[in-house]
C-alpha atoms as a PDB file:
ATOM      1  CA  MET A   1       1.424   4.259 -16.272  1.00  0.00           C
ATOM      2  CA  SER A   2       4.263   1.831 -16.863  1.00  0.00           C
ATOM      3  CA  LEU A   3       6.593   2.680 -19.765  1.00  0.00           C
ATOM      4  CA  ARG A   4       6.563  -0.919 -20.994  1.00  0.00           C
ATOM      5  CA  GLN A   5       3.534  -2.616 -22.461  1.00  0.00           C
ATOM      6  CA  SER A   6       1.576  -4.826 -20.105  1.00  0.00           C
ATOM      7  CA  LYS A   7       1.371  -8.531 -20.939  1.00  0.00           C
ATOM      8  CA  VAL A   8      -2.244  -9.749 -20.841  1.00  0.00           C
ATOM      9  CA  LEU A   9      -3.520 -13.318 -20.536  1.00  0.00           C
ATOM     10  CA  ILE A  10      -7.008 -14.253 -21.768  1.00  0.00           C
ATOM     11  CA  ALA A  11      -7.884 -17.797 -20.653  1.00  0.00           C
ATOM     12  CA  ASP A  12     -11.287 -19.089 -21.755  1.00  0.00           C
ATOM     13  CA  ASP A  13     -12.500 -21.938 -23.958  1.00  0.00           C
ATOM     14  CA  SER A  14     -14.868 -19.529 -25.755  1.00  0.00           C
ATOM     15  CA  ARG A  15     -13.374 -17.670 -28.728  1.00  0.00           C
ATOM     16  CA  ALA A  16     -16.168 -15.113 -28.445  1.00  0.00           C
ATOM     17  CA  VAL A  17     -14.936 -14.165 -24.956  1.00  0.00           C
ATOM     18  CA  HIS A  18     -11.375 -13.850 -26.289  1.00  0.00           C
ATOM     19  CA  GLN A  19     -12.632 -11.535 -29.027  1.00  0.00           C
ATOM     20  CA  LEU A  20     -14.689  -9.383 -26.647  1.00  0.00           C
ATOM     21  CA  ILE A  21     -11.804  -8.852 -24.238  1.00  0.00           C
ATOM     22  CA  ARG A  22      -9.263  -8.369 -27.044  1.00  0.00           C
ATOM     23  CA  ASP A  23     -11.456  -5.756 -28.727  1.00  0.00           C
ATOM     24  CA  SER A  24     -11.808  -3.917 -25.397  1.00  0.00           C
ATOM     25  CA  LEU A  25      -8.057  -3.585 -24.879  1.00  0.00           C
ATOM     26  CA  PRO A  26      -6.443  -0.238 -25.784  1.00  0.00           C
ATOM     27  CA  GLY A  27      -3.161  -0.095 -27.671  1.00  0.00           C
ATOM     28  CA  ASP A  28      -0.898  -0.241 -24.638  1.00  0.00           C
ATOM     29  CA  TYR A  29      -2.475  -3.577 -23.662  1.00  0.00           C
ATOM     30  CA  SER A  30      -3.570  -5.210 -26.935  1.00  0.00           C
ATOM     31  CA  ALA A  31      -0.082  -5.450 -28.443  1.00  0.00           C
ATOM     32  CA  ASN A  32       1.061  -8.141 -26.028  1.00  0.00           C
ATOM     33  CA  VAL A  33      -1.753 -10.668 -25.486  1.00  0.00           C
ATOM     34  CA  VAL A  34      -1.413 -14.360 -24.630  1.00  0.00           C
ATOM     35  CA  HIS A  35      -4.367 -16.645 -25.428  1.00  0.00           C
ATOM     36  CA  ALA A  36      -5.126 -19.858 -23.517  1.00  0.00           C
ATOM     37  CA  PHE A  37      -8.075 -22.159 -24.202  1.00  0.00           C
ATOM     38  CA  ASP A  38      -7.736 -24.641 -21.330  1.00  0.00           C
ATOM     39  CA  GLY A  39      -6.448 -24.716 -17.769  1.00  0.00           C
ATOM     40  CA  VAL A  40      -3.076 -26.241 -18.618  1.00  0.00           C
ATOM     41  CA  GLU A  41      -2.315 -23.505 -21.142  1.00  0.00           C
ATOM     42  CA  CYS A  42      -3.479 -20.955 -18.565  1.00  0.00           C
ATOM     43  CA  LEU A  43      -1.131 -22.270 -15.880  1.00  0.00           C
ATOM     44  CA  HIS A  44       1.750 -22.364 -18.373  1.00  0.00           C
ATOM     45  CA  ALA A  45       1.153 -18.705 -19.247  1.00  0.00           C
ATOM     46  CA  LEU A  46       0.932 -17.690 -15.582  1.00  0.00           C
ATOM     47  CA  ASP A  47       4.186 -19.524 -14.844  1.00  0.00           C
ATOM     48  CA  HIS A  48       5.938 -17.642 -17.675  1.00  0.00           C
ATOM     49  CA  GLY A  49       4.746 -14.282 -16.345  1.00  0.00           C
ATOM     50  CA  VAL A  50       1.878 -11.970 -17.246  1.00  0.00           C
ATOM     51  CA  ASP A  51       0.852  -8.649 -15.728  1.00  0.00           C
ATOM     52  CA  LEU A  52      -2.912  -8.974 -16.073  1.00  0.00           C
ATOM     53  CA  ALA A  53      -5.120 -12.039 -16.544  1.00  0.00           C
ATOM     54  CA  PHE A  54      -8.771 -12.765 -17.356  1.00  0.00           C
ATOM     55  CA  ILE A  55      -9.404 -16.415 -16.408  1.00  0.00           C
ATOM     56  CA  ASP A  56     -12.566 -18.460 -16.894  1.00  0.00           C
ATOM     57  CA  VAL A  57     -13.462 -20.637 -13.917  1.00  0.00           C
ATOM     58  CA  HIS A  58     -14.662 -23.551 -16.075  1.00  0.00           C
ATOM     59  CA  MET A  59     -12.249 -24.752 -18.779  1.00  0.00           C
ATOM     60  CA  PRO A  60     -11.271 -28.147 -20.232  1.00  0.00           C
ATOM     61  CA  THR A  61      -8.407 -30.199 -18.764  1.00  0.00           C
ATOM     62  CA  MET A  62      -8.015 -27.973 -15.684  1.00  0.00           C
ATOM     63  CA  GLY A  63     -10.373 -25.381 -14.218  1.00  0.00           C
ATOM     64  CA  GLY A  64      -9.340 -21.762 -13.959  1.00  0.00           C
ATOM     65  CA  MET A  65      -9.529 -21.861 -10.164  1.00  0.00           C
ATOM     66  CA  ASP A  66      -7.146 -24.833 -10.079  1.00  0.00           C
ATOM     67  CA  ALA A  67      -4.716 -23.141 -12.443  1.00  0.00           C
ATOM     68  CA  LEU A  68      -4.734 -19.942 -10.385  1.00  0.00           C
ATOM     69  CA  TRP A  69      -4.364 -21.899  -7.136  1.00  0.00           C
ATOM     70  CA  ALA A  70      -1.285 -23.706  -8.492  1.00  0.00           C
ATOM     71  CA  ALA A  71       0.198 -20.400  -9.644  1.00  0.00           C
ATOM     72  CA  ARG A  72      -0.467 -18.680  -6.315  1.00  0.00           C
ATOM     73  CA  ILE A  73       1.173 -21.555  -4.414  1.00  0.00           C
ATOM     74  CA  ALA A  74       4.281 -20.944  -6.524  1.00  0.00           C
ATOM     75  CA  GLY A  75       4.258 -17.263  -5.544  1.00  0.00           C
ATOM     76  CA  ASN A  76       2.509 -15.787  -8.585  1.00  0.00           C
ATOM     77  CA  LYS A  77       1.144 -12.258  -7.936  1.00  0.00           C
ATOM     78  CA  THR A  78      -0.642 -11.594 -11.242  1.00  0.00           C
ATOM     79  CA  PHE A  79      -3.548  -9.123 -11.190  1.00  0.00           C
ATOM     80  CA  VAL A  80      -6.396 -11.549 -11.939  1.00  0.00           C
ATOM     81  CA  THR A  81     -10.042 -11.228 -12.924  1.00  0.00           C
ATOM     82  CA  LEU A  82     -12.003 -14.479 -12.771  1.00  0.00           C
ATOM     83  CA  ILE A  83     -14.901 -15.144 -15.157  1.00  0.00           C
ATOM     84  CA  SER A  84     -17.904 -17.464 -14.880  1.00  0.00           C
ATOM     85  CA  GLY A  85     -21.354 -18.007 -16.302  1.00  0.00           C
ATOM     86  CA  ARG A  86     -22.796 -17.690 -12.807  1.00  0.00           C
ATOM     87  CA  ALA A  87     -21.650 -16.548  -9.384  1.00  0.00           C
ATOM     88  CA  ASN A  88     -22.253 -18.681  -6.313  1.00  0.00           C
ATOM     89  CA  ARG A  89     -21.040 -18.502  -2.751  1.00  0.00           C
ATOM     90  CA  ARG A  90     -18.322 -21.126  -3.243  1.00  0.00           C
ATOM     91  CA  CYS A  91     -16.881 -19.358  -6.289  1.00  0.00           C
ATOM     92  CA  ILE A  92     -16.924 -15.972  -4.570  1.00  0.00           C
ATOM     93  CA  ASP A  93     -15.215 -17.347  -1.453  1.00  0.00           C
ATOM     94  CA  LEU A  94     -12.527 -19.158  -3.482  1.00  0.00           C
ATOM     95  CA  ALA A  95     -11.917 -16.076  -5.620  1.00  0.00           C
ATOM     96  CA  ARG A  96     -11.288 -14.024  -2.503  1.00  0.00           C
ATOM     97  CA  GLN A  97      -8.998 -16.681  -1.030  1.00  0.00           C
ATOM     98  CA  LEU A  98      -7.016 -16.747  -4.287  1.00  0.00           C
ATOM     99  CA  GLU A  99      -6.674 -12.944  -4.101  1.00  0.00           C
ATOM    100  CA  ALA A 100      -8.448 -12.319  -7.395  1.00  0.00           C
ATOM    101  CA  TYR A 101      -9.203  -8.652  -7.984  1.00  0.00           C
ATOM    102  CA  GLU A 102     -12.595  -9.105  -9.625  1.00  0.00           C
ATOM    103  CA  PHE A 103     -15.177 -11.735 -10.528  1.00  0.00           C
ATOM    104  CA  LEU A 104     -17.125 -11.073 -13.736  1.00  0.00           C
ATOM    105  CA  THR A 105     -20.340 -12.913 -14.506  1.00  0.00           C
ATOM    106  CA  LYS A 106     -21.111 -13.583 -18.163  1.00  0.00           C
ATOM    107  CA  PRO A 107     -22.320 -11.807 -20.156  1.00  0.00           C
ATOM    108  CA  PHE A 108     -20.132  -8.828 -19.296  1.00  0.00           C
ATOM    109  CA  SER A 109     -19.387  -5.721 -21.330  1.00  0.00           C
ATOM    110  CA  SER A 110     -16.406  -3.736 -22.555  1.00  0.00           C
ATOM    111  CA  ALA A 111     -17.228  -1.201 -19.801  1.00  0.00           C
ATOM    112  CA  ASP A 112     -16.444  -3.896 -17.208  1.00  0.00           C
ATOM    113  CA  ILE A 113     -13.072  -4.483 -18.879  1.00  0.00           C
ATOM    114  CA  ASP A 114     -12.401  -0.735 -19.029  1.00  0.00           C
ATOM    115  CA  ALA A 115     -12.985  -0.409 -15.263  1.00  0.00           C
ATOM    116  CA  ILE A 116     -10.508  -3.211 -14.528  1.00  0.00           C
ATOM    117  CA  LEU A 117      -7.886  -1.722 -16.858  1.00  0.00           C
ATOM    118  CA  ALA A 118      -8.244   1.696 -15.207  1.00  0.00           C
ATOM    119  CA  THR A 119      -7.447   0.177 -11.827  1.00  0.00           C
ATOM    120  CA  HIS A 120      -4.569  -1.878 -13.229  1.00  0.00           C
ATOM    121  CA  ARG A 121      -3.000   1.271 -14.668  1.00  0.00           C
ATOM    122  CA  ARG A 122      -3.319   3.033 -11.329  1.00  0.00           C
ATOM    123  CA  ILE A 123      -1.864   0.211  -9.227  1.00  0.00           C
ATOM    124  CA  SER A 124       0.977  -0.281 -11.721  1.00  0.00           C
ATOM    125  CA  THR A 125       2.173   3.220 -10.889  1.00  0.00           C
ATOM    126  CA  PRO A 126       3.653   3.595  -7.370  1.00  0.00           C
ATOM    127  CA  MET A 127       1.932   6.231  -5.249  1.00  0.00           C
ATOM    128  CA  GLN A 128       3.638   8.443  -2.711  1.00  0.00           C
ATOM    129  CA  VAL A 129       1.714   8.328   0.572  1.00  0.00           C
ATOM    130  CA  LEU A 130       2.241  10.307   3.776  1.00  0.00           C
ATOM    131  CA  ILE A 131       0.695   9.109   7.040  1.00  0.00           C
ATOM    132  CA  VAL A 132       0.472  11.683   9.837  1.00  0.00           C
ATOM    133  CA  ASP A 133      -0.085  10.651  13.463  1.00  0.00           C
ATOM    134  CA  ASP A 134       1.598  11.555  16.753  1.00  0.00           C
ATOM    135  CA  SER A 135       1.392   7.967  18.042  1.00  0.00           C
ATOM    136  CA  PRO A 136       4.268   5.631  17.023  1.00  0.00           C
ATOM    137  CA  VAL A 137       1.966   2.657  17.592  1.00  0.00           C
ATOM    138  CA  SER A 138      -0.708   4.106  15.310  1.00  0.00           C
ATOM    139  CA  LEU A 139       1.883   4.852  12.637  1.00  0.00           C
ATOM    140  CA  LYS A 140       3.123   1.270  12.807  1.00  0.00           C
ATOM    141  CA  VAL A 141      -0.410  -0.147  12.549  1.00  0.00           C
ATOM    142  CA  MET A 142      -1.345   2.188   9.690  1.00  0.00           C
ATOM    143  CA  ARG A 143       1.814   1.317   7.784  1.00  0.00           C
ATOM    144  CA  LYS A 144       1.032  -2.390   8.141  1.00  0.00           C
ATOM    145  CA  VAL A 145      -2.555  -1.946   6.927  1.00  0.00           C
ATOM    146  CA  LEU A 146      -1.514   0.267   3.999  1.00  0.00           C
ATOM    147  CA  ALA A 147       1.148  -2.248   2.996  1.00  0.00           C
ATOM    148  CA  SER A 148      -1.600  -4.828   2.466  1.00  0.00           C
ATOM    149  CA  SER A 149      -3.436  -2.674  -0.069  1.00  0.00           C
ATOM    150  CA  VAL A 150      -3.822  -3.813  -3.673  1.00  0.00           C
ATOM    151  CA  PHE A 151      -2.293  -0.450  -4.622  1.00  0.00           C
ATOM    152  CA  HIS A 152       1.485   0.045  -4.757  1.00  0.00           C
ATOM    153  CA  LEU A 153       2.136   2.554  -1.964  1.00  0.00           C
ATOM    154  CA  ASN A 154       5.472   4.117  -1.057  1.00  0.00           C
ATOM    155  CA  ILE A 155       4.816   5.110   2.551  1.00  0.00           C
ATOM    156  CA  GLU A 156       6.427   7.936   4.509  1.00  0.00           C
ATOM    157  CA  GLU A 157       5.587   9.214   7.989  1.00  0.00           C
ATOM    158  CA  ALA A 158       5.196  12.443   9.942  1.00  0.00           C
ATOM    159  CA  ASN A 159       4.219  12.746  13.611  1.00  0.00           C
ATOM    160  CA  ARG A 160       3.124  16.389  13.779  1.00  0.00           C
ATOM    161  CA  GLY A 161       0.906  18.637  11.687  1.00  0.00           C
ATOM    162  CA  ALA A 162       3.663  21.202  11.119  1.00  0.00           C
ATOM    163  CA  GLU A 163       5.986  18.457   9.881  1.00  0.00           C
ATOM    164  CA  ALA A 164       3.310  17.212   7.484  1.00  0.00           C
ATOM    165  CA  ILE A 165       2.871  20.691   6.020  1.00  0.00           C
ATOM    166  CA  ALA A 166       6.626  21.079   5.552  1.00  0.00           C
ATOM    167  CA  ARG A 167       6.887  17.675   3.887  1.00  0.00           C
ATOM    168  CA  CYS A 168       4.012  18.424   1.514  1.00  0.00           C
ATOM    169  CA  ASN A 169       5.547  21.772   0.582  1.00  0.00           C
ATOM    170  CA  ALA A 170       8.873  20.072  -0.162  1.00  0.00           C
ATOM    171  CA  GLU A 171       7.595  17.091  -2.186  1.00  0.00           C
ATOM    172  CA  ALA A 172       4.436  15.849  -3.860  1.00  0.00           C
ATOM    173  CA  PHE A 173       2.300  13.164  -2.237  1.00  0.00           C
ATOM    174  CA  ASP A 174      -0.540  11.419  -4.020  1.00  0.00           C
ATOM    175  CA  VAL A 175      -2.443  10.828  -0.767  1.00  0.00           C
ATOM    176  CA  VAL A 176      -2.084  12.053   2.818  1.00  0.00           C
ATOM    177  CA  PHE A 177      -3.674  10.063   5.665  1.00  0.00           C
ATOM    178  CA  LEU A 178      -4.098  12.637   8.437  1.00  0.00           C
ATOM    179  CA  ASP A 179      -5.046  11.873  12.035  1.00  0.00           C
ATOM    180  CA  VAL A 180      -7.578  14.238  13.592  1.00  0.00           C
ATOM    181  CA  ASN A 181      -6.271  14.290  17.177  1.00  0.00           C
ATOM    182  CA  MET A 182      -2.684  15.533  17.470  1.00  0.00           C
ATOM    183  CA  PRO A 183      -0.989  17.911  19.921  1.00  0.00           C
ATOM    184  CA  GLY A 184      -0.173  21.384  18.692  1.00  0.00           C
ATOM    185  CA  LEU A 185      -1.598  21.726  15.198  1.00  0.00           C
ATOM    186  CA  ASN A 186      -4.492  19.273  15.152  1.00  0.00           C
ATOM    187  CA  GLY A 187      -5.733  17.433  12.085  1.00  0.00           C
ATOM    188  CA  TYR A 188      -8.367  19.987  11.087  1.00  0.00           C
ATOM    189  CA  ALA A 189      -5.967  22.940  11.349  1.00  0.00           C
ATOM    190  CA  THR A 190      -3.349  20.966   9.434  1.00  0.00           C
ATOM    191  CA  LEU A 191      -5.902  20.138   6.745  1.00  0.00           C
ATOM    192  CA  ALA A 192      -6.855  23.811   6.328  1.00  0.00           C
ATOM    193  CA  ARG A 193      -3.214  24.833   5.851  1.00  0.00           C
ATOM    194  CA  LEU A 194      -2.502  21.946   3.487  1.00  0.00           C
ATOM    195  CA  MET A 195      -5.453  22.915   1.313  1.00  0.00           C
ATOM    196  CA  ARG A 196      -4.394  26.561   1.177  1.00  0.00           C
ATOM    197  CA  ALA A 197      -0.845  25.670   0.125  1.00  0.00           C
ATOM    198  CA  ASN A 198      -1.597  22.551  -1.936  1.00  0.00           C
ATOM    199  CA  PRO A 199      -5.280  22.510  -2.960  1.00  0.00           C
ATOM    200  CA  GLN A 200      -4.775  19.455  -5.196  1.00  0.00           C
ATOM    201  CA  THR A 201      -3.604  17.282  -2.300  1.00  0.00           C
ATOM    202  CA  LYS A 202      -5.875  14.302  -1.626  1.00  0.00           C
ATOM    203  CA  VAL A 203      -6.297  14.070   2.144  1.00  0.00           C
ATOM    204  CA  VAL A 204      -8.018  11.240   4.030  1.00  0.00           C
ATOM    205  CA  MET A 205      -8.923  12.192   7.604  1.00  0.00           C
ATOM    206  CA  ILE A 206      -8.454   9.464  10.239  1.00  0.00           C
ATOM    207  CA  SER A 207     -10.424   9.492  13.488  1.00  0.00           C
ATOM    208  CA  GLY A 208     -11.114   7.140  16.364  1.00  0.00           C
ATOM    209  CA  GLU A 209     -14.623   8.503  16.889  1.00  0.00           C
ATOM    210  CA  TYR A 210     -17.676   9.514  14.878  1.00  0.00           C
ATOM    211  CA  ASN A 211     -18.333  13.260  14.796  1.00  0.00           C
ATOM    212  CA  ALA A 212     -20.630  14.149  11.913  1.00  0.00           C
ATOM    213  CA  PRO A 213     -20.418  17.977  12.253  1.00  0.00           C
ATOM    214  CA  ARG A 214     -16.601  18.000  12.364  1.00  0.00           C
ATOM    215  CA  GLU A 215     -16.394  15.471   9.547  1.00  0.00           C
ATOM    216  CA  GLY A 216     -18.676  17.677   7.468  1.00  0.00           C
ATOM    217  CA  GLU A 217     -16.342  20.620   8.124  1.00  0.00           C
ATOM    218  CA  ALA A 218     -13.353  18.536   7.035  1.00  0.00           C
ATOM    219  CA  LEU A 219     -15.049  17.643   3.748  1.00  0.00           C
ATOM    220  CA  LYS A 220     -15.866  21.319   3.150  1.00  0.00           C
ATOM    221  CA  LEU A 221     -12.217  22.194   3.789  1.00  0.00           C
ATOM    222  CA  GLY A 222     -11.174  19.772   1.059  1.00  0.00           C
ATOM    223  CA  ALA A 223     -10.757  16.323   2.624  1.00  0.00           C
ATOM    224  CA  THR A 224     -11.564  13.613   0.077  1.00  0.00           C
ATOM    225  CA  ALA A 225     -12.637  10.932   2.568  1.00  0.00           C
ATOM    226  CA  ILE A 226     -13.110  10.155   6.263  1.00  0.00           C
ATOM    227  CA  MET A 227     -12.009   6.862   7.823  1.00  0.00           C
ATOM    228  CA  HIS A 228     -12.457   5.565  11.349  1.00  0.00           C
ATOM    229  CA  LYS A 229     -10.053   3.486  13.404  1.00  0.00           C
ATOM    230  CA  PRO A 230      -9.563   0.581  13.355  1.00  0.00           C
ATOM    231  CA  PHE A 231      -9.699   0.114   9.595  1.00  0.00           C
ATOM    232  CA  PHE A 232      -8.703  -2.675   7.241  1.00  0.00           C
ATOM    233  CA  PRO A 233      -7.000  -3.058   3.838  1.00  0.00           C
ATOM    234  CA  THR A 234     -10.395  -3.440   2.151  1.00  0.00           C
ATOM    235  CA  GLU A 235     -11.419  -0.026   3.488  1.00  0.00           C
ATOM    236  CA  ILE A 236      -8.146   1.524   2.305  1.00  0.00           C
ATOM    237  CA  ASP A 237      -8.716   0.080  -1.153  1.00  0.00           C
ATOM    238  CA  ALA A 238     -12.322   1.316  -1.212  1.00  0.00           C
ATOM    239  CA  ALA A 239     -11.179   4.833  -0.264  1.00  0.00           C
ATOM    240  CA  LEU A 240      -8.410   4.855  -2.891  1.00  0.00           C
ATOM    241  CA  HIS A 241     -10.811   3.655  -5.578  1.00  0.00           C
ATOM    242  CA  GLN A 242     -13.134   6.505  -4.644  1.00  0.00           C
ATOM    243  CA  ILE A 243     -10.371   9.118  -4.531  1.00  0.00           C
ATOM    244  CA  PHE A 244      -9.053   8.270  -7.975  1.00  0.00           C
ATOM    245  CA  GLY A 245     -12.465   7.813  -9.583  1.00  0.00           C
ATOM    246  CA  LEU A 246     -12.110   4.067 -10.000  1.00  0.00           C
ATOM    247  CA  GLN A 247     -14.923   1.516  -9.848  1.00  0.00           C
ATOM    248  CA  SER A 248     -14.614  -0.699  -6.775  1.00  0.00           C
ATOM    249  CA  PRO A 249     -14.576  -4.407  -7.643  1.00  0.00           C
ATOM    250  CA  LYS A 250     -17.791  -6.283  -6.984  1.00  0.00           C
ATOM    251  CA  LEU A 251     -15.717  -9.088  -5.502  1.00  0.00           C
ATOM    252  CA  ALA A 252     -14.722  -6.808  -2.617  1.00  0.00           C
ATOM    253  CA  THR A 253     -18.022  -5.013  -2.127  1.00  0.00           C
ATOM    254  CA  ASP A 254     -20.851  -7.315  -3.209  1.00  0.00           C
ATOM    255  CA  GLY A 255     -22.141 -10.518  -1.724  1.00  0.00           C
ATOM    256  CA  TYR A 256     -24.939 -12.965  -2.378  1.00  0.00           C
ATOM    257  CA  VAL A 257     -26.461 -14.635   0.683  1.00  0.00           C
ATOM    258  CA  ARG A 258     -29.691 -16.532   0.099  1.00  0.00           C
ATOM    259  CA  ASP A 259     -32.326 -13.919  -0.744  1.00  0.00           C
ATOM    260  CA  PHE A 260     -30.166 -10.880  -0.015  1.00  0.00           C
ATOM    261  CA  GLY A 261     -27.776  -8.788  -2.059  1.00  0.00           C
ATOM    262  CA  ILE A 262     -25.033  -7.206   0.050  1.00  0.00           C
ATOM    263  CA  LYS A 263     -22.678  -4.272  -0.486  1.00  0.00           C
ATOM    264  CA  ILE A 264     -19.857  -3.233   1.837  1.00  0.00           C
ATOM    265  CA  HIS A 265     -18.572   0.316   1.464  1.00  0.00           C
ATOM    266  CA  GLY A 266     -16.067   1.387   4.059  1.00  0.00           C
ATOM    267  CA  ARG A 267     -17.728   0.948   7.440  1.00  0.00           C
ATOM    268  CA  THR A 268     -21.240   0.609   6.029  1.00  0.00           C
ATOM    269  CA  ILE A 269     -22.876  -2.682   5.063  1.00  0.00           C
ATOM    270  CA  ALA A 270     -26.149  -2.561   3.123  1.00  0.00           C
ATOM    271  CA  VAL A 271     -28.386  -5.632   2.853  1.00  0.00           C
ATOM    272  CA  GLU A 272     -31.138  -5.575   0.220  1.00  0.00           C
ATOM    273  CA  HIS A 273     -33.881  -8.198   0.131  1.00  0.00           C
ATOM    274  CA  ALA A 274     -34.212  -9.341  -3.477  1.00  0.00           C
ATOM    275  CA  GLU A 275     -37.964  -9.972  -3.457  1.00  0.00           C
ATOM    276  CA  THR A 276     -39.220  -6.939  -1.529  1.00  0.00           C
ATOM    277  CA  GLY A 277     -36.525  -4.335  -2.146  1.00  0.00           C
ATOM    278  CA  HIS A 278     -36.287  -3.517   1.573  1.00  0.00           C
ATOM    279  CA  VAL A 279     -32.777  -2.281   2.460  1.00  0.00           C
ATOM    280  CA  TYR A 280     -31.168  -2.711   5.882  1.00  0.00           C
ATOM    281  CA  GLU A 281     -28.021  -0.667   6.520  1.00  0.00           C
ATOM    282  CA  TYR A 282     -25.602  -0.921   9.437  1.00  0.00           C
ATOM    283  CA  VAL A 283     -22.299   0.514  10.543  1.00  0.00           C
ATOM    284  CA  TRP A 284     -20.118  -2.509  11.268  1.00  0.00           C
ATOM    285  CA  PHE A 285     -17.473  -2.804  13.986  1.00  0.00           C
ATOM    286  CA  ARG A 286     -14.752  -5.327  14.663  1.00  0.00           C
ATOM    287  CA  ASP A 287     -15.778  -5.625  18.317  1.00  0.00           C
ATOM    288  CA  PRO A 288     -19.254  -6.760  19.458  1.00  0.00           C
ATOM    289  CA  PRO A 289     -21.890  -5.688  18.835  1.00  0.00           C
ATOM    290  CA  HIS A 290     -20.683  -5.879  15.229  1.00  0.00           C
ATOM    291  CA  LEU A 291     -23.765  -4.246  13.692  1.00  0.00           C
ATOM    292  CA  ARG A 292     -24.738  -0.817  15.014  1.00  0.00           C
ATOM    293  CA  LEU A 293     -26.675   2.311  14.007  1.00  0.00           C
ATOM    294  CA  PRO A 294     -29.297   0.446  11.944  1.00  0.00           C
ATOM    295  CA  LEU A 295     -31.078   2.291   9.161  1.00  0.00           C
ATOM    296  CA  VAL A 296     -34.036   0.684   7.377  1.00  0.00           C
ATOM    297  CA  ARG A 297     -35.283   1.862   3.985  1.00  0.00           C
ATOM    298  CA  LYS A 298     -38.522   0.078   3.232  1.00  0.00           C
ATOM    299  CA  ASN A 299     -40.186  -0.397  -0.128  1.00  0.00           C
ATOM    300  CA  GLU A 300     -43.731   0.896   0.329  1.00  0.00           C
ATOM    301  CA  LEU A 301     -44.981  -1.368  -2.472  1.00  0.00           C
ATOM    302  CA  ALA A 302     -43.703  -4.580  -0.872  1.00  0.00           C
ATOM    303  CA  THR A 303     -46.255  -7.038   0.525  1.00  0.00           C
ATOM    304  CA  ILE A 304     -43.909  -8.433   3.196  1.00  0.00           C
ATOM    305  CA  PRO A 305     -43.579  -6.110   6.227  1.00  0.00           C
ATOM    306  CA  VAL A 306     -40.096  -4.694   6.665  1.00  0.00           C
ATOM    307  CA  GLY A 307     -39.889  -5.885  10.276  1.00  0.00           C
ATOM    308  CA  GLU A 308     -40.273  -9.550   9.378  1.00  0.00           C
ATOM    309  CA  LEU A 309     -36.918  -9.605   7.593  1.00  0.00           C
ATOM    310  CA  VAL A 310     -34.760  -7.796  10.170  1.00  0.00           C
ATOM    311  CA  ALA A 311     -33.391 -10.949  11.804  1.00  0.00           C
ATOM    312  CA  ASN A 312     -32.522 -12.585   8.473  1.00  0.00           C
ATOM    313  CA  ALA A 313     -30.954  -9.365   7.207  1.00  0.00           C
ATOM    314  CA  LYS A 314     -28.677  -9.247  10.261  1.00  0.00           C
ATOM    315  CA  LYS A 315     -27.692 -12.890   9.759  1.00  0.00           C
ATOM    316  CA  ALA A 316     -26.879 -12.213   6.109  1.00  0.00           C
ATOM    317  CA  ALA A 317     -24.805  -9.146   7.033  1.00  0.00           C
ATOM    318  CA  MET A 318     -22.844 -11.028   9.679  1.00  0.00           C
ATOM    319  CA  LEU A 319     -22.183 -13.956   7.358  1.00  0.00           C
ATOM    320  CA  GLU A 320     -20.828 -11.626   4.682  1.00  0.00           C
ATOM    321  CA  LEU A 321     -18.589  -9.792   7.170  1.00  0.00           C
ATOM    322  CA  GLU A 322     -17.201 -13.151   8.316  1.00  0.00           C
ATOM    323  CA  ASN A 323     -16.681 -14.334   4.737  1.00  0.00           C
ATOM    324  CA  ALA A 324     -14.794 -11.126   3.974  1.00  0.00           C
ATOM    325  CA  SER A 325     -12.623 -11.693   7.126  1.00  0.00           C
ATOM    326  CA  LEU A 326     -13.694  -8.320   8.540  1.00  0.00           C
ATOM    327  CA  VAL A 327     -14.990  -9.757  11.809  1.00  0.00           C
ATOM    328  CA  GLN A 328     -14.337 -12.911  13.787  1.00  0.00           C
ATOM    329  CA  VAL A 329     -17.245 -14.523  15.574  1.00  0.00           C
ATOM    330  CA  ALA A 330     -16.947 -17.423  18.035  1.00  0.00           C
ATOM    331  CA  HIS A 331     -19.317 -20.237  17.082  1.00  0.00           C
END
């Protein structure tokens, strides 16, 4: 956690919302709060610098989206949560484009604020990360993807398992991203030795293929997560939220497409039909076919057969993946 107190902006035309958020702030946040009641005041506060902001989408004079857009154009990097009385596709898409961290729908609770503050504390503290891969190209790609994470990562590299073990014995790393396939000491053998010497190390195994038995062994050995190449910043962020016990933002994982609610977790996308409760899960891929390994969980009490909604569920899943910029589809 930062030694200085974080400066917090609450921008909303409702005094009740100001009070709710203010009452939810612990001492290290509540001592330095800026209040704005319209968009102009919000933009002024953003321009003068704040660490964390809760901004209502609809405010007098200037909307919260417009204020944030103007600030982002000027290079503002504030950690922002947007607020609205209702969430629609346009708001969700704009929030993502404006690089908001979260989108809260009123009424929200102090628990929602607590979850956002927990993440802000974690990202405000730089993390030491070691990536281990024998391929210079893979190391370069992984470094680029990790650099796009919402978390503040100080990245170091190793190209052999033995080197990774030596580095971890010499200095502490918050997270190690460890490739499975390496010459000499492979990823699994490296993991076993790392866990024996440093059982508190958080290790994410990286693989270019799916191998459920081996992945199960890795988790038993102490790996905290498994990721598959190629992966994206959103997947890195999801894994880091999981590793550090943080709640993933709904803005990154949830979607609303017509009659379906959608969650993306790592490489899995789950599509739930609101009326029937049928759930359609897929493993998504960047290259076609984008949706593979379908798993259907039907609600036995539903009156609409599960098969009738498969095509619409796939369309909803693809639309959400496109909106999240995880796949590109030629139209």
